[in-house]
């Protein structure tokens, strides 16, 4: 069952949307302000976030950025009465998938969300295929690694001929310390070796890390 977070201070709209989505097999959580939404995101990973443009834009940005760090393939939809190009571009620059004008049909909103879920899942399956091309058994590995470890391994699988800098990894994973990346990489290598995989992440001291086939 897909998990949806609704960020909206209009109780009538969120109530109608809640009932409609629940009737279509979605698990819905409602937040009437950005602080509450942030606390929910820390506790739960949502597949979809539907927000209304009723809050300060920087507050909404904080919510959306945190959610995308938790799950990059999240479907994010913003509903607004503001039809200005500037406002639309602001939200799209945050990574919003759809900027919809109110009033909007709940049925249309559901169709757009389902289309985006299908599209992002297709991309995810294509990325999983890339793992297989490198020699990874993605299904087996994904059961042994944490979400952060999979996210890190994904970077190396997509950049097989490139040395990835420590600073990039620190920013990408939102790590507070540079050596945190090396700790995660060590855990990944231990698990890969334990599973019999022939690939490891090698340290190039002073430069970063790269993916190589172990002998």
C-alpha atoms as a PDB file:
ATOM      1  CA  UNK A   1       0.000   0.000   0.000  1.00  0.00           C
ATOM      2  CA  UNK A   2       1.400   3.402  -1.031  1.00  0.00           C
ATOM      3  CA  UNK A   3       1.984   5.941   1.746  1.00  0.00           C
ATOM      4  CA  UNK A   4       0.886   9.526   1.106  1.00  0.00           C
ATOM      5  CA  UNK A   5       1.608  12.652   3.135  1.00  0.00           C
ATOM      6  CA  UNK A   6      -0.859  15.513   2.672  1.00  0.00           C
ATOM      7  CA  UNK A   7       0.485  18.913   3.760  1.00  0.00           C
ATOM      8  CA  UNK A   8      -2.442  21.324   3.894  1.00  0.00           C
ATOM      9  CA  UNK A   9      -4.062  23.672   6.395  1.00  0.00           C
ATOM     10  CA  UNK A  10      -7.422  23.562   4.595  1.00  0.00           C
ATOM     11  CA  UNK A  11      -9.278  20.880   6.518  1.00  0.00           C
ATOM     12  CA  UNK A  12     -12.042  20.533   3.942  1.00  0.00           C
ATOM     13  CA  UNK A  13      -9.641  19.860   1.048  1.00  0.00           C
ATOM     14  CA  UNK A  14      -7.404  17.491   3.003  1.00  0.00           C
ATOM     15  CA  UNK A  15     -10.409  15.607   4.399  1.00  0.00           C
ATOM     16  CA  UNK A  16     -11.920  15.078   0.936  1.00  0.00           C
ATOM     17  CA  UNK A  17      -8.547  14.063  -0.490  1.00  0.00           C
ATOM     18  CA  UNK A  18      -7.921  11.722   2.457  1.00  0.00           C
ATOM     19  CA  UNK A  19     -11.250   9.924   1.962  1.00  0.00           C
ATOM     20  CA  UNK A  20     -10.738   9.690  -1.792  1.00  0.00           C
ATOM     21  CA  UNK A  21      -7.195   8.275  -1.572  1.00  0.00           C
ATOM     22  CA  UNK A  22      -8.064   5.837   1.224  1.00  0.00           C
ATOM     23  CA  UNK A  23     -10.909   4.515  -0.921  1.00  0.00           C
ATOM     24  CA  UNK A  24      -8.298   3.859  -3.631  1.00  0.00           C
ATOM     25  CA  UNK A  25      -5.932   1.836  -1.413  1.00  0.00           C
ATOM     26  CA  UNK A  26      -3.566   4.594  -0.286  1.00  0.00           C
ATOM     27  CA  UNK A  27      -2.416   5.002   3.326  1.00  0.00           C
ATOM     28  CA  UNK A  28      -2.778   8.692   4.158  1.00  0.00           C
ATOM     29  CA  UNK A  29      -1.110  10.870   6.805  1.00  0.00           C
ATOM     30  CA  UNK A  30      -2.210  14.509   7.160  1.00  0.00           C
ATOM     31  CA  UNK A  31      -0.148  17.453   8.414  1.00  0.00           C
ATOM     32  CA  UNK A  32      -1.635  20.915   8.916  1.00  0.00           C
ATOM     33  CA  UNK A  33       1.744  22.659   9.169  1.00  0.00           C
ATOM     34  CA  UNK A  34       5.339  22.190   8.001  1.00  0.00           C
ATOM     35  CA  UNK A  35       6.762  21.393  11.448  1.00  0.00           C
ATOM     36  CA  UNK A  36       4.359  18.474  11.836  1.00  0.00           C
ATOM     37  CA  UNK A  37       5.173  17.295   8.301  1.00  0.00           C
ATOM     38  CA  UNK A  38       8.910  17.275   9.118  1.00  0.00           C
ATOM     39  CA  UNK A  39       8.313  15.161  12.233  1.00  0.00           C
ATOM     40  CA  UNK A  40       6.278  12.647  10.195  1.00  0.00           C
ATOM     41  CA  UNK A  41       8.995  12.407   7.527  1.00  0.00           C
ATOM     42  CA  UNK A  42      11.617  11.660  10.191  1.00  0.00           C
ATOM     43  CA  UNK A  43       9.463   8.760  11.400  1.00  0.00           C
ATOM     44  CA  UNK A  44       8.124   7.376   8.117  1.00  0.00           C
ATOM     45  CA  UNK A  45       9.112   7.154   4.450  1.00  0.00           C
ATOM     46  CA  UNK A  46       6.353   8.344   2.118  1.00  0.00           C
ATOM     47  CA  UNK A  47       5.907   7.398  -1.533  1.00  0.00           C
ATOM     48  CA  UNK A  48       3.906  10.535  -2.334  1.00  0.00           C
ATOM     49  CA  UNK A  49       3.744  14.066  -0.911  1.00  0.00           C
ATOM     50  CA  UNK A  50       0.816  16.323  -1.863  1.00  0.00           C
ATOM     51  CA  UNK A  51       1.216  19.897  -0.587  1.00  0.00           C
ATOM     52  CA  UNK A  52      -0.823  23.045  -1.004  1.00  0.00           C
ATOM     53  CA  UNK A  53       0.795  26.422  -1.548  1.00  0.00           C
ATOM     54  CA  UNK A  54      -0.585  27.833   1.694  1.00  0.00           C
ATOM     55  CA  UNK A  55       2.687  28.132   3.641  1.00  0.00           C
ATOM     56  CA  UNK A  56       5.927  30.110   3.374  1.00  0.00           C
ATOM     57  CA  UNK A  57       7.768  28.743   0.377  1.00  0.00           C
ATOM     58  CA  UNK A  58      11.016  28.189   2.319  1.00  0.00           C
ATOM     59  CA  UNK A  59       9.127  26.097   4.880  1.00  0.00           C
ATOM     60  CA  UNK A  60       7.634  23.922   2.148  1.00  0.00           C
ATOM     61  CA  UNK A  61      11.080  23.663   0.524  1.00  0.00           C
ATOM     62  CA  UNK A  62      12.525  22.324   3.796  1.00  0.00           C
ATOM     63  CA  UNK A  63       9.842  19.626   3.900  1.00  0.00           C
ATOM     64  CA  UNK A  64      10.312  18.602   0.270  1.00  0.00           C
ATOM     65  CA  UNK A  65      14.123  18.556   0.425  1.00  0.00           C
ATOM     66  CA  UNK A  66      14.086  16.337   3.525  1.00  0.00           C
ATOM     67  CA  UNK A  67      11.612  13.931   1.912  1.00  0.00           C
ATOM     68  CA  UNK A  68      13.699  13.662  -1.266  1.00  0.00           C
ATOM     69  CA  UNK A  69      16.779  12.894   0.816  1.00  0.00           C
ATOM     70  CA  UNK A  70      14.842  10.109   2.521  1.00  0.00           C
ATOM     71  CA  UNK A  71      13.450   8.738  -0.749  1.00  0.00           C
ATOM     72  CA  UNK A  72      14.750  10.355  -3.983  1.00  0.00           C
ATOM     73  CA  UNK A  73      12.028   8.753  -6.120  1.00  0.00           C
ATOM     74  CA  UNK A  74       9.198  10.334  -4.087  1.00  0.00           C
ATOM     75  CA  UNK A  75       6.321  11.705  -6.163  1.00  0.00           C
ATOM     76  CA  UNK A  76       5.764  15.333  -5.145  1.00  0.00           C
ATOM     77  CA  UNK A  77       2.714  17.374  -6.179  1.00  0.00           C
ATOM     78  CA  UNK A  78       1.938  20.977  -5.228  1.00  0.00           C
ATOM     79  CA  UNK A  79      -1.575  22.412  -5.619  1.00  0.00           C
ATOM     80  CA  UNK A  80      -1.933  26.190  -5.783  1.00  0.00           C
ATOM     81  CA  UNK A  81      -4.149  29.087  -6.835  1.00  0.00           C
ATOM     82  CA  UNK A  82      -1.056  31.006  -8.009  1.00  0.00           C
ATOM     83  CA  UNK A  83      -0.689  30.728 -11.791  1.00  0.00           C
ATOM     84  CA  UNK A  84       2.435  32.900 -12.051  1.00  0.00           C
ATOM     85  CA  UNK A  85       5.433  31.526 -13.941  1.00  0.00           C
ATOM     86  CA  UNK A  86       7.790  32.649 -11.158  1.00  0.00           C
ATOM     87  CA  UNK A  87       5.950  30.623  -8.517  1.00  0.00           C
ATOM     88  CA  UNK A  88       5.742  27.577 -10.774  1.00  0.00           C
ATOM     89  CA  UNK A  89       9.489  27.707 -11.551  1.00  0.00           C
ATOM     90  CA  UNK A  90      10.326  28.092  -7.864  1.00  0.00           C
ATOM     91  CA  UNK A  91       8.626  24.826  -7.014  1.00  0.00           C
ATOM     92  CA  UNK A  92       9.963  22.978 -10.042  1.00  0.00           C
ATOM     93  CA  UNK A  93      13.478  24.011  -8.996  1.00  0.00           C
ATOM     94  CA  UNK A  94      12.881  22.247  -5.655  1.00  0.00           C
ATOM     95  CA  UNK A  95      12.224  18.968  -7.498  1.00  0.00           C
ATOM     96  CA  UNK A  96       8.403  19.129  -7.558  1.00  0.00           C
ATOM     97  CA  UNK A  97       6.985  16.752 -10.183  1.00  0.00           C
ATOM     98  CA  UNK A  98       3.625  18.443 -10.753  1.00  0.00           C
ATOM     99  CA  UNK A  99       2.413  21.993 -10.058  1.00  0.00           C
ATOM    100  CA  UNK A 100      -1.380  21.914 -10.357  1.00  0.00           C
ATOM    101  CA  UNK A 101      -3.805  24.803 -10.287  1.00  0.00           C
ATOM    102  CA  UNK A 102      -6.777  24.786  -7.945  1.00  0.00           C
ATOM    103  CA  UNK A 103      -9.567  23.901  -8.075  1.00  0.00           C
ATOM    104  CA  UNK A 104      -8.604  20.435  -9.268  1.00  0.00           C
ATOM    105  CA  UNK A 105     -10.560  17.243  -9.645  1.00  0.00           C
ATOM    106  CA  UNK A 106      -9.535  14.625  -7.085  1.00  0.00           C
ATOM    107  CA  UNK A 107      -9.844  11.985  -9.802  1.00  0.00           C
ATOM    108  CA  UNK A 108      -7.428  13.924 -12.033  1.00  0.00           C
ATOM    109  CA  UNK A 109      -5.019  14.346  -9.115  1.00  0.00           C
ATOM    110  CA  UNK A 110      -5.055  10.590  -8.477  1.00  0.00           C
ATOM    111  CA  UNK A 111      -4.402   9.851 -12.159  1.00  0.00           C
ATOM    112  CA  UNK A 112      -1.448  12.221 -12.246  1.00  0.00           C
ATOM    113  CA  UNK A 113       0.021  10.680  -9.083  1.00  0.00           C
ATOM    114  CA  UNK A 114      -0.374   7.161 -10.495  1.00  0.00           C
ATOM    115  CA  UNK A 115       1.262   8.194 -13.763  1.00  0.00           C
ATOM    116  CA  UNK A 116       4.239   9.656 -11.880  1.00  0.00           C
ATOM    117  CA  UNK A 117       4.544   6.561  -9.679  1.00  0.00           C
ATOM    118  CA  UNK A 118       4.605   4.353 -12.768  1.00  0.00           C
ATOM    119  CA  UNK A 119       7.213   6.600 -14.451  1.00  0.00           C
ATOM    120  CA  UNK A 120       9.526   6.720 -11.427  1.00  0.00           C
ATOM    121  CA  UNK A 121       9.206   2.986 -10.819  1.00  0.00           C
ATOM    122  CA  UNK A 122      10.192   2.401 -14.450  1.00  0.00           C
ATOM    123  CA  UNK A 123      13.320   4.499 -13.919  1.00  0.00           C
ATOM    124  CA  UNK A 124      14.108   2.594 -10.725  1.00  0.00           C
ATOM    125  CA  UNK A 125      13.791  -0.740 -12.533  1.00  0.00           C
ATOM    126  CA  UNK A 126      16.141   0.553 -15.249  1.00  0.00           C
ATOM    127  CA  UNK A 127      18.668   1.530 -12.569  1.00  0.00           C
ATOM    128  CA  UNK A 128      18.380  -1.926 -11.042  1.00  0.00           C
ATOM    129  CA  UNK A 129      19.207  -3.364 -14.467  1.00  0.00           C
ATOM    130  CA  UNK A 130      22.424  -1.327 -14.408  1.00  0.00           C
ATOM    131  CA  UNK A 131      23.403  -3.139 -11.221  1.00  0.00           C
ATOM    132  CA  UNK A 132      23.044  -6.460 -13.016  1.00  0.00           C
ATOM    133  CA  UNK A 133      25.290  -5.215 -15.823  1.00  0.00           C
ATOM    134  CA  UNK A 134      28.069  -4.543 -13.310  1.00  0.00           C
ATOM    135  CA  UNK A 135      27.755  -8.035 -11.858  1.00  0.00           C
ATOM    136  CA  UNK A 136      25.565  -7.126  -8.889  1.00  0.00           C
ATOM    137  CA  UNK A 137      22.719  -9.360  -7.839  1.00  0.00           C
ATOM    138  CA  UNK A 138      20.506  -6.422  -6.891  1.00  0.00           C
ATOM    139  CA  UNK A 139      17.710  -8.473  -5.322  1.00  0.00           C
ATOM    140  CA  UNK A 140      20.137 -10.259  -3.026  1.00  0.00           C
ATOM    141  CA  UNK A 141      22.154  -7.151  -2.179  1.00  0.00           C
ATOM    142  CA  UNK A 142      19.135  -4.950  -1.429  1.00  0.00           C
ATOM    143  CA  UNK A 143      18.060  -7.330   1.332  1.00  0.00           C
ATOM    144  CA  UNK A 144      21.453  -7.088   3.052  1.00  0.00           C
ATOM    145  CA  UNK A 145      22.137  -3.343   2.767  1.00  0.00           C
ATOM    146  CA  UNK A 146      20.516  -0.387   4.472  1.00  0.00           C
ATOM    147  CA  UNK A 147      18.804   2.313   2.416  1.00  0.00           C
ATOM    148  CA  UNK A 148      21.796   4.642   2.834  1.00  0.00           C
ATOM    149  CA  UNK A 149      24.214   1.880   1.805  1.00  0.00           C
ATOM    150  CA  UNK A 150      22.152   1.134  -1.333  1.00  0.00           C
ATOM    151  CA  UNK A 151      22.056   4.840  -2.160  1.00  0.00           C
ATOM    152  CA  UNK A 152      25.850   5.035  -1.855  1.00  0.00           C
ATOM    153  CA  UNK A 153      26.433   1.868  -3.875  1.00  0.00           C
ATOM    154  CA  UNK A 154      24.142   3.251  -6.573  1.00  0.00           C
ATOM    155  CA  UNK A 155      26.529   6.193  -7.076  1.00  0.00           C
ATOM    156  CA  UNK A 156      29.455   3.886  -7.778  1.00  0.00           C
ATOM    157  CA  UNK A 157      27.416   1.599 -10.048  1.00  0.00           C
ATOM    158  CA  UNK A 158      26.472   4.611 -12.200  1.00  0.00           C
ATOM    159  CA  UNK A 159      30.043   5.980 -12.231  1.00  0.00           C
ATOM    160  CA  UNK A 160      32.127   2.857 -12.738  1.00  0.00           C
ATOM    161  CA  UNK A 161      35.020   4.600 -14.507  1.00  0.00           C
ATOM    162  CA  UNK A 162      35.047   7.633 -12.220  1.00  0.00           C
ATOM    163  CA  UNK A 163      36.657   8.286  -8.858  1.00  0.00           C
ATOM    164  CA  UNK A 164      33.969   9.824  -6.653  1.00  0.00           C
ATOM    165  CA  UNK A 165      35.259  12.478  -4.249  1.00  0.00           C
ATOM    166  CA  UNK A 166      34.715  12.264  -0.499  1.00  0.00           C
ATOM    167  CA  UNK A 167      33.200  15.754  -0.447  1.00  0.00           C
ATOM    168  CA  UNK A 168      30.607  14.703  -3.029  1.00  0.00           C
ATOM    169  CA  UNK A 169      29.650  11.625  -1.010  1.00  0.00           C
ATOM    170  CA  UNK A 170      29.404  13.698   2.160  1.00  0.00           C
ATOM    171  CA  UNK A 171      27.033  16.192   0.499  1.00  0.00           C
ATOM    172  CA  UNK A 172      25.037  13.536  -1.374  1.00  0.00           C
ATOM    173  CA  UNK A 173      24.331  11.522   1.772  1.00  0.00           C
ATOM    174  CA  UNK A 174      24.028  14.603   3.995  1.00  0.00           C
ATOM    175  CA  UNK A 175      26.779  13.353   6.318  1.00  0.00           C
ATOM    176  CA  UNK A 176      28.110  15.548   9.123  1.00  0.00           C
ATOM    177  CA  UNK A 177      31.633  14.072   9.050  1.00  0.00           C
ATOM    178  CA  UNK A 178      33.784  13.168   6.038  1.00  0.00           C
ATOM    179  CA  UNK A 179      34.918   9.887   7.623  1.00  0.00           C
ATOM    180  CA  UNK A 180      31.283   8.762   7.902  1.00  0.00           C
ATOM    181  CA  UNK A 181      31.401   7.869   4.185  1.00  0.00           C
ATOM    182  CA  UNK A 182      34.423   5.623   4.716  1.00  0.00           C
ATOM    183  CA  UNK A 183      32.601   3.838   7.558  1.00  0.00           C
ATOM    184  CA  UNK A 184      29.586   3.156   5.321  1.00  0.00           C
ATOM    185  CA  UNK A 185      31.847   2.015   2.463  1.00  0.00           C
ATOM    186  CA  UNK A 186      33.663  -0.373   4.800  1.00  0.00           C
ATOM    187  CA  UNK A 187      30.320  -1.886   5.865  1.00  0.00           C
ATOM    188  CA  UNK A 188      29.304  -2.290   2.212  1.00  0.00           C
ATOM    189  CA  UNK A 189      32.573  -4.021   1.303  1.00  0.00           C
ATOM    190  CA  UNK A 190      32.265  -6.417   4.254  1.00  0.00           C
ATOM    191  CA  UNK A 191      28.725  -7.344   3.213  1.00  0.00           C
ATOM    192  CA  UNK A 192      29.660  -7.727  -0.463  1.00  0.00           C
ATOM    193  CA  UNK A 193      32.538 -10.029   0.461  1.00  0.00           C
ATOM    194  CA  UNK A 194      30.293 -12.041   2.772  1.00  0.00           C
ATOM    195  CA  UNK A 195      27.804 -12.503  -0.097  1.00  0.00           C
ATOM    196  CA  UNK A 196      30.532 -13.622  -2.466  1.00  0.00           C
ATOM    197  CA  UNK A 197      30.307 -10.602  -4.774  1.00  0.00           C
ATOM    198  CA  UNK A 198      33.373  -9.927  -6.947  1.00  0.00           C
ATOM    199  CA  UNK A 199      33.092  -6.146  -6.689  1.00  0.00           C
ATOM    200  CA  UNK A 200      34.461  -3.805  -4.023  1.00  0.00           C
ATOM    201  CA  UNK A 201      34.702  -0.064  -3.457  1.00  0.00           C
ATOM    202  CA  UNK A 202      38.381   0.903  -3.423  1.00  0.00           C
ATOM    203  CA  UNK A 203      39.884   3.923  -1.670  1.00  0.00           C
ATOM    204  CA  UNK A 204      42.139   6.201  -3.724  1.00  0.00           C
ATOM    205  CA  UNK A 205      43.734   8.149  -0.912  1.00  0.00           C
ATOM    206  CA  UNK A 206      43.540  11.889  -1.297  1.00  0.00           C
ATOM    207  CA  UNK A 207      41.165  11.550  -4.269  1.00  0.00           C
ATOM    208  CA  UNK A 208      38.100   9.518  -3.300  1.00  0.00           C
ATOM    209  CA  UNK A 209      36.621   6.085  -4.020  1.00  0.00           C
ATOM    210  CA  UNK A 210      35.961   3.961  -7.074  1.00  0.00           C
ATOM    211  CA  UNK A 211      34.325   0.668  -8.012  1.00  0.00           C
ATOM    212  CA  UNK A 212      36.623  -2.208  -9.036  1.00  0.00           C
ATOM    213  CA  UNK A 213      36.371  -5.954  -9.588  1.00  0.00           C
ATOM    214  CA  UNK A 214      38.169  -7.862  -6.868  1.00  0.00           C
ATOM    215  CA  UNK A 215      40.585 -10.612  -7.861  1.00  0.00           C
END
